[in-house]
C-alpha atoms as a PDB file:
ATOM      1  CA  UNK A   1     141.870  84.078  99.345  1.00  0.00           C
ATOM      2  CA  UNK A   2     141.426  85.326 102.983  1.00  0.00           C
ATOM      3  CA  UNK A   3     138.252  83.912 104.276  1.00  0.00           C
ATOM      4  CA  UNK A   4     137.604  83.027 108.098  1.00  0.00           C
ATOM      5  CA  UNK A   5     134.481  81.059 109.333  1.00  0.00           C
ATOM      6  CA  UNK A   6     134.282  81.030 113.283  1.00  0.00           C
ATOM      7  CA  UNK A   7     131.810  79.594 115.760  1.00  0.00           C
ATOM      8  CA  UNK A   8     132.265  80.496 119.143  1.00  0.00           C
ATOM      9  CA  UNK A   9     131.371  82.235 122.364  1.00  0.00           C
ATOM     10  CA  UNK A  10     132.007  85.599 123.411  1.00  0.00           C
ATOM     11  CA  UNK A  11     134.592  85.902 126.417  1.00  0.00           C
ATOM     12  CA  UNK A  12     133.211  89.450 127.400  1.00  0.00           C
ATOM     13  CA  UNK A  13     130.496  92.138 126.620  1.00  0.00           C
ATOM     14  CA  UNK A  14     131.253  93.802 122.991  1.00  0.00           C
ATOM     15  CA  UNK A  15     132.830  97.188 123.078  1.00  0.00           C
ATOM     16  CA  UNK A  16     130.877  99.700 121.039  1.00  0.00           C
ATOM     17  CA  UNK A  17     132.787 102.708 119.984  1.00  0.00           C
ATOM     18  CA  UNK A  18     132.226 105.908 117.450  1.00  0.00           C
ATOM     19  CA  UNK A  19     134.879 106.819 115.278  1.00  0.00           C
ATOM     20  CA  UNK A  20     134.975 110.829 115.864  1.00  0.00           C
ATOM     21  CA  UNK A  21     135.472 111.850 112.214  1.00  0.00           C
ATOM     22  CA  UNK A  22     132.714 110.005 110.780  1.00  0.00           C
ATOM     23  CA  UNK A  23     130.563 108.962 113.185  1.00  0.00           C
ATOM     24  CA  UNK A  24     130.643 105.295 112.249  1.00  0.00           C
ATOM     25  CA  UNK A  25     130.187 102.478 114.888  1.00  0.00           C
ATOM     26  CA  UNK A  26     132.710  99.758 115.353  1.00  0.00           C
ATOM     27  CA  UNK A  27     132.195  96.855 117.922  1.00  0.00           C
ATOM     28  CA  UNK A  28     135.133  94.378 119.001  1.00  0.00           C
ATOM     29  CA  UNK A  29     134.896  91.487 120.933  1.00  0.00           C
ATOM     30  CA  UNK A  30     136.812  88.305 121.701  1.00  0.00           C
ATOM     31  CA  UNK A  31     135.582  85.023 120.190  1.00  0.00           C
ATOM     32  CA  UNK A  32     136.620  81.742 121.909  1.00  0.00           C
ATOM     33  CA  UNK A  33     136.820  78.918 119.442  1.00  0.00           C
ATOM     34  CA  UNK A  34     136.741  75.555 120.816  1.00  0.00           C
ATOM     35  CA  UNK A  35     139.582  73.062 119.562  1.00  0.00           C
ATOM     36  CA  UNK A  36     139.872  69.094 120.272  1.00  0.00           C
ATOM     37  CA  UNK A  37     143.473  67.960 120.210  1.00  0.00           C
ATOM     38  CA  UNK A  38     143.766  64.292 121.457  1.00  0.00           C
ATOM     39  CA  UNK A  39     140.839  64.173 123.702  1.00  0.00           C
ATOM     40  CA  UNK A  40     141.754  67.479 125.360  1.00  0.00           C
ATOM     41  CA  UNK A  41     139.609  70.431 124.590  1.00  0.00           C
ATOM     42  CA  UNK A  42     141.686  73.436 124.207  1.00  0.00           C
ATOM     43  CA  UNK A  43     140.327  77.075 123.130  1.00  0.00           C
ATOM     44  CA  UNK A  44     141.840  79.490 120.525  1.00  0.00           C
ATOM     45  CA  UNK A  45     140.860  83.440 121.236  1.00  0.00           C
ATOM     46  CA  UNK A  46     140.004  85.641 118.290  1.00  0.00           C
ATOM     47  CA  UNK A  47     139.620  89.394 118.413  1.00  0.00           C
ATOM     48  CA  UNK A  48     136.638  90.464 115.791  1.00  0.00           C
ATOM     49  CA  UNK A  49     136.177  93.777 114.677  1.00  0.00           C
ATOM     50  CA  UNK A  50     132.784  94.673 113.225  1.00  0.00           C
ATOM     51  CA  UNK A  51     131.545  98.265 111.574  1.00  0.00           C
ATOM     52  CA  UNK A  52     128.484  99.784 110.924  1.00  0.00           C
ATOM     53  CA  UNK A  53     125.080  99.038 111.662  1.00  0.00           C
ATOM     54  CA  UNK A  54     125.890  95.413 112.351  1.00  0.00           C
ATOM     55  CA  UNK A  55     127.988  96.788 115.084  1.00  0.00           C
ATOM     56  CA  UNK A  56     125.429  98.348 116.876  1.00  0.00           C
ATOM     57  CA  UNK A  57     123.329  95.350 116.714  1.00  0.00           C
ATOM     58  CA  UNK A  58     126.387  93.115 118.131  1.00  0.00           C
ATOM     59  CA  UNK A  59     126.577  95.408 120.864  1.00  0.00           C
ATOM     60  CA  UNK A  60     122.977  95.440 121.341  1.00  0.00           C
ATOM     61  CA  UNK A  61     122.128  91.923 121.068  1.00  0.00           C
ATOM     62  CA  UNK A  62     125.213  89.762 122.090  1.00  0.00           C
ATOM     63  CA  UNK A  63     127.122  89.291 125.700  1.00  0.00           C
ATOM     64  CA  UNK A  64     129.438  87.321 127.350  1.00  0.00           C
ATOM     65  CA  UNK A  65     128.537  83.897 126.838  1.00  0.00           C
ATOM     66  CA  UNK A  66     126.502  84.571 123.597  1.00  0.00           C
ATOM     67  CA  UNK A  67     127.170  81.992 120.739  1.00  0.00           C
ATOM     68  CA  UNK A  68     127.701  83.339 117.454  1.00  0.00           C
ATOM     69  CA  UNK A  69     129.281  82.664 113.970  1.00  0.00           C
ATOM     70  CA  UNK A  70     131.480  85.063 112.169  1.00  0.00           C
ATOM     71  CA  UNK A  71     132.756  85.394 108.697  1.00  0.00           C
ATOM     72  CA  UNK A  72     135.124  87.379 107.426  1.00  0.00           C
ATOM     73  CA  UNK A  73     138.630  88.162 106.671  1.00  0.00           C
ATOM     74  CA  UNK A  74     142.253  88.331 108.723  1.00  0.00           C
ATOM     75  CA  UNK A  75     144.261  91.605 108.884  1.00  0.00           C
ATOM     76  CA  UNK A  76     147.374  91.798 110.438  1.00  0.00           C
ATOM     77  CA  UNK A  77     147.717  95.487 112.094  1.00  0.00           C
ATOM     78  CA  UNK A  78     151.135  97.022 113.182  1.00  0.00           C
ATOM     79  CA  UNK A  79     151.845 100.162 115.499  1.00  0.00           C
ATOM     80  CA  UNK A  80     154.488 101.797 117.252  1.00  0.00           C
ATOM     81  CA  UNK A  81     153.478 101.752 121.150  1.00  0.00           C
ATOM     82  CA  UNK A  82     154.632 104.742 123.264  1.00  0.00           C
ATOM     83  CA  UNK A  83     158.060 103.228 124.043  1.00  0.00           C
ATOM     84  CA  UNK A  84     158.953 103.011 120.434  1.00  0.00           C
ATOM     85  CA  UNK A  85     158.167  98.987 120.105  1.00  0.00           C
ATOM     86  CA  UNK A  86     157.251  97.971 117.116  1.00  0.00           C
ATOM     87  CA  UNK A  87     153.643  96.068 117.990  1.00  0.00           C
ATOM     88  CA  UNK A  88     151.717  93.694 115.793  1.00  0.00           C
ATOM     89  CA  UNK A  89     148.325  92.281 116.131  1.00  0.00           C
ATOM     90  CA  UNK A  90     145.738  90.073 113.986  1.00  0.00           C
ATOM     91  CA  UNK A  91     142.187  90.664 113.953  1.00  0.00           C
ATOM     92  CA  UNK A  92     138.988  89.307 112.110  1.00  0.00           C
ATOM     93  CA  UNK A  93     137.394  91.621 110.013  1.00  0.00           C
ATOM     94  CA  UNK A  94     133.989  90.348 110.255  1.00  0.00           C
ATOM     95  CA  UNK A  95     131.480  90.728 106.989  1.00  0.00           C
ATOM     96  CA  UNK A  96     128.823  88.829 108.836  1.00  0.00           C
ATOM     97  CA  UNK A  97     127.701  88.025 112.270  1.00  0.00           C
ATOM     98  CA  UNK A  98     125.077  85.545 112.809  1.00  0.00           C
ATOM     99  CA  UNK A  99     123.484  84.974 116.355  1.00  0.00           C
ATOM    100  CA  UNK A 100     123.325  81.603 117.431  1.00  0.00           C
ATOM    101  CA  UNK A 101     122.169  81.743 121.092  1.00  0.00           C
ATOM    102  CA  UNK A 102     118.424  81.390 121.891  1.00  0.00           C
ATOM    103  CA  UNK A 103     116.688  85.207 121.929  1.00  0.00           C
ATOM    104  CA  UNK A 104     113.801  86.166 123.794  1.00  0.00           C
ATOM    105  CA  UNK A 105     112.009  85.226 120.489  1.00  0.00           C
ATOM    106  CA  UNK A 106     113.469  81.915 120.809  1.00  0.00           C
ATOM    107  CA  UNK A 107     115.219  81.785 117.576  1.00  0.00           C
ATOM    108  CA  UNK A 108     118.139  82.332 115.560  1.00  0.00           C
ATOM    109  CA  UNK A 109     118.963  85.860 114.008  1.00  0.00           C
ATOM    110  CA  UNK A 110     121.232  87.060 111.794  1.00  0.00           C
ATOM    111  CA  UNK A 111     121.923  90.978 111.477  1.00  0.00           C
ATOM    112  CA  UNK A 112     123.745  92.057 108.390  1.00  0.00           C
ATOM    113  CA  UNK A 113     124.119  95.327 106.672  1.00  0.00           C
ATOM    114  CA  UNK A 114     121.865  94.319 103.817  1.00  0.00           C
ATOM    115  CA  UNK A 115     118.255  95.802 104.292  1.00  0.00           C
ATOM    116  CA  UNK A 116     115.289  93.068 103.816  1.00  0.00           C
ATOM    117  CA  UNK A 117     112.289  93.636 102.080  1.00  0.00           C
ATOM    118  CA  UNK A 118     109.206  92.041 103.310  1.00  0.00           C
ATOM    119  CA  UNK A 119     107.815  92.068  99.542  1.00  0.00           C
ATOM    120  CA  UNK A 120     106.716  88.770  98.254  1.00  0.00           C
ATOM    121  CA  UNK A 121     109.046  87.151  95.523  1.00  0.00           C
ATOM    122  CA  UNK A 122     107.938  87.993  91.799  1.00  0.00           C
ATOM    123  CA  UNK A 123     105.503  85.688  90.404  1.00  0.00           C
ATOM    124  CA  UNK A 124     107.289  83.331  87.377  1.00  0.00           C
ATOM    125  CA  UNK A 125     105.863  84.502  84.245  1.00  0.00           C
ATOM    126  CA  UNK A 126     107.269  81.382  82.436  1.00  0.00           C
ATOM    127  CA  UNK A 127     105.341  79.061  80.496  1.00  0.00           C
ATOM    128  CA  UNK A 128     105.438  75.356  81.367  1.00  0.00           C
ATOM    129  CA  UNK A 129     107.550  73.215  79.062  1.00  0.00           C
ATOM    130  CA  UNK A 130     106.775  70.014  78.431  1.00  0.00           C
ATOM    131  CA  UNK A 131     109.398  67.240  77.994  1.00  0.00           C
ATOM    132  CA  UNK A 132     108.587  66.806  74.232  1.00  0.00           C
ATOM    133  CA  UNK A 133     109.234  70.391  73.789  1.00  0.00           C
ATOM    134  CA  UNK A 134     113.129  70.053  74.871  1.00  0.00           C
ATOM    135  CA  UNK A 135     115.236  69.902  71.775  1.00  0.00           C
ATOM    136  CA  UNK A 136     117.574  67.457  73.157  1.00  0.00           C
END
């Protein structure tokens, strides 16, 4: 299983780009996550990559210092630099980003690629069952 959940603060404003061939949005940012080690605070820094509409929302609503929760998976990448050296990087590909800092609306906001409908939940058409009707 490759699953990561992190809560931290952005170290800089998100960088939003669009893939030239597809026009798909991609946002990158670094998340600082506190770690307590023998009464001293340390931080780990994770590079986060977000795709699609969620990337656009991240770029619009998050900024340096914003707190958010990220869930996703770890991806290892490698490439050859201009000097011919092999380089490696580890990114968190975010499936979900939840904004934890207060917004102008005053609350927590969660932006995902899923569309939320304002339609009410369907009514249950199930009859009430009395305890005497249960066969066990």
